[in-house]
Amino acid sequence: QVQLVESGGGLVQAGGSLRLSCAASGLTFRAYSMGWFRQAPGKEREFVAAIGWRSSDTDYADSVKGRFTISRDNAKNTVYLQMNSLKPEDTAVYYCAVRRTSVRSRSMLEYESWGQGTQVTVSS
């Protein structure tokens, strides 16, 4: 029943910015924690950022700290990932995910539903 749809990916030059969106349906949004993960070709899917039902409850991978910001708008059932100062190594398919608990997690195994992914390509 839960459906997540990512959008906002694209091609951007190094140093540029993108804002990813994840629209959720089929859940009571504020009661769930959300995460962003990414996967580059030939690599394992990795944690990027997570947010609990409290917007102040956030977590970031070391590789994106200071550059990416996760946020949520519960009125719109949407989670965002603002990506600034993008680097070529940020190139990947980005996925949003949801888990049915209020506390965020960086463990991929704890997430229950996943979006289809959106491609982010950063050129040098």
Protein backbone atom coordinates (compact mmCIF):
# COMPACT_ATOMS: atom_id res chain seq x y z
CA GLN A 1 0.00 0.00 0.00
CA VAL A 2 2.88 2.36 0.67
CA GLN A 3 4.12 4.08 -2.44
CA LEU A 4 7.17 6.31 -2.71
CA VAL A 5 7.99 8.30 -5.82
CA GLU A 6 11.30 10.11 -6.18
CA SER A 7 11.87 13.06 -8.47
CA GLY A 8 14.34 15.86 -9.02
CA GLY A 9 17.33 13.97 -10.31
CA GLY A 10 19.27 15.06 -13.33
CA LEU A 11 22.60 16.17 -14.70
CA VAL A 12 24.52 18.87 -12.90
CA GLN A 13 28.06 20.20 -12.96
CA ALA A 14 30.39 19.68 -10.03
CA GLY A 15 29.71 22.32 -7.41
CA GLY A 16 26.09 22.62 -8.43
CA SER A 17 22.92 21.73 -6.57
CA LEU A 18 19.90 19.50 -6.91
CA ARG A 19 16.85 19.00 -4.75
CA LEU A 20 15.35 15.54 -4.66
CA SER A 21 11.77 14.95 -3.60
CA CYS A 22 10.07 11.81 -2.38
CA ALA A 23 6.29 11.85 -2.36
CA ALA A 24 4.70 9.24 -0.12
CA SER A 25 1.22 7.78 -0.11
CA GLY A 26 -0.54 5.08 1.85
CA LEU A 27 0.83 6.01 5.26
CA THR A 28 0.47 8.45 8.11
CA PHE A 29 3.50 10.43 7.16
CA ARG A 30 4.58 12.02 10.42
CA ALA A 31 4.60 8.66 12.19
CA TYR A 32 7.30 7.28 9.91
CA SER A 33 10.99 7.83 9.58
CA MET A 34 12.46 8.28 6.12
CA GLY A 35 15.84 7.71 4.57
CA TRP A 36 17.78 8.41 1.42
CA PHE A 37 20.16 5.85 -0.02
CA ARG A 38 22.17 5.77 -3.20
CA GLN A 39 23.72 3.17 -5.43
CA ALA A 40 26.36 3.66 -8.08
CA PRO A 41 26.97 1.07 -10.81
CA GLY A 42 28.96 -1.85 -9.46
CA LYS A 43 28.71 -0.63 -5.88
CA GLU A 44 26.62 -1.52 -2.86
CA ARG A 45 23.69 0.63 -1.95
CA GLU A 46 24.77 3.03 0.78
CA PHE A 47 23.17 5.25 3.36
CA VAL A 48 22.99 8.95 2.61
CA ALA A 49 20.65 10.61 5.11
CA ALA A 50 17.71 9.87 7.37
CA ILE A 51 15.08 11.80 9.26
CA GLY A 52 12.74 10.80 12.04
CA TRP A 53 9.22 12.01 12.63
CA ARG A 54 10.80 14.92 14.47
CA SER A 55 12.42 17.07 11.82
CA SER A 56 15.34 17.72 14.17
CA ASP A 57 16.12 14.00 14.29
CA THR A 58 18.49 13.73 11.33
CA ASP A 59 21.54 11.73 10.41
CA TYR A 60 24.01 11.96 7.53
CA ALA A 61 26.72 9.86 6.04
CA ASP A 62 30.15 11.38 6.60
CA SER A 63 30.60 11.78 2.87
CA VAL A 64 27.69 14.22 2.58
CA LYS A 65 27.76 16.07 5.90
CA GLY A 66 27.76 19.80 5.39
CA ARG A 67 26.63 19.45 1.78
CA PHE A 68 23.29 17.62 1.92
CA THR A 69 20.22 18.47 3.96
CA ILE A 70 17.28 16.17 4.54
CA SER A 71 13.91 17.62 5.45
CA ARG A 72 10.27 16.65 5.46
CA ASP A 73 6.98 18.41 4.89
CA ASN A 74 4.37 16.28 6.57
CA ALA A 75 1.52 18.37 5.20
CA LYS A 76 2.64 17.37 1.71
CA ASN A 77 3.73 13.83 2.64
CA THR A 78 7.07 14.62 1.08
CA VAL A 79 10.70 14.20 2.06
CA TYR A 80 13.44 16.25 0.42
CA LEU A 81 17.15 15.93 -0.05
CA GLN A 82 18.84 19.23 -0.82
CA MET A 83 22.22 18.47 -2.35
CA ASN A 84 24.75 21.27 -2.59
CA SER A 85 28.40 21.34 -3.64
CA LEU A 86 27.88 18.19 -5.64
CA LYS A 87 30.87 16.07 -6.57
CA PRO A 88 31.31 13.49 -9.33
CA GLU A 89 31.43 10.78 -6.66
CA ASP A 90 27.85 11.70 -5.76
CA THR A 91 26.74 10.22 -9.07
CA ALA A 92 24.30 7.41 -8.34
CA VAL A 93 20.69 6.37 -8.36
CA TYR A 94 19.08 7.85 -5.28
CA TYR A 95 16.32 6.01 -3.47
CA CYS A 96 14.03 7.07 -0.69
CA ALA A 97 12.73 4.59 1.84
CA VAL A 98 10.35 4.43 4.78
CA ARG A 99 10.26 2.51 8.03
CA ARG A 100 7.30 2.28 10.37
CA THR A 101 8.87 3.77 13.43
CA SER A 102 9.38 7.34 14.50
CA VAL A 103 13.15 7.08 14.95
CA ARG A 104 15.40 7.36 11.93
CA SER A 105 17.94 4.71 11.04
CA ARG A 106 20.88 4.34 8.70
CA SER A 107 20.39 0.58 8.41
CA MET A 108 19.00 -0.38 5.03
CA LEU A 109 17.60 -3.60 6.46
CA GLU A 110 15.22 -1.70 8.71
CA TYR A 111 13.40 0.05 5.87
CA GLU A 112 10.22 -1.52 4.57
CA SER A 113 9.26 0.33 1.40
CA TRP A 114 11.36 1.84 -1.36
CA GLY A 115 10.88 4.21 -4.23
CA GLN A 116 11.92 3.49 -7.79
CA GLY A 117 14.97 5.73 -7.66
CA THR A 118 16.06 8.85 -9.47
CA GLN A 119 19.34 9.28 -11.32
CA VAL A 120 21.80 11.95 -10.23
CA THR A 121 24.78 12.55 -12.48
CA VAL A 122 27.48 15.04 -11.56
CA SER A 123 29.94 16.00 -14.26
CA SER A 124 33.45 17.21 -13.55
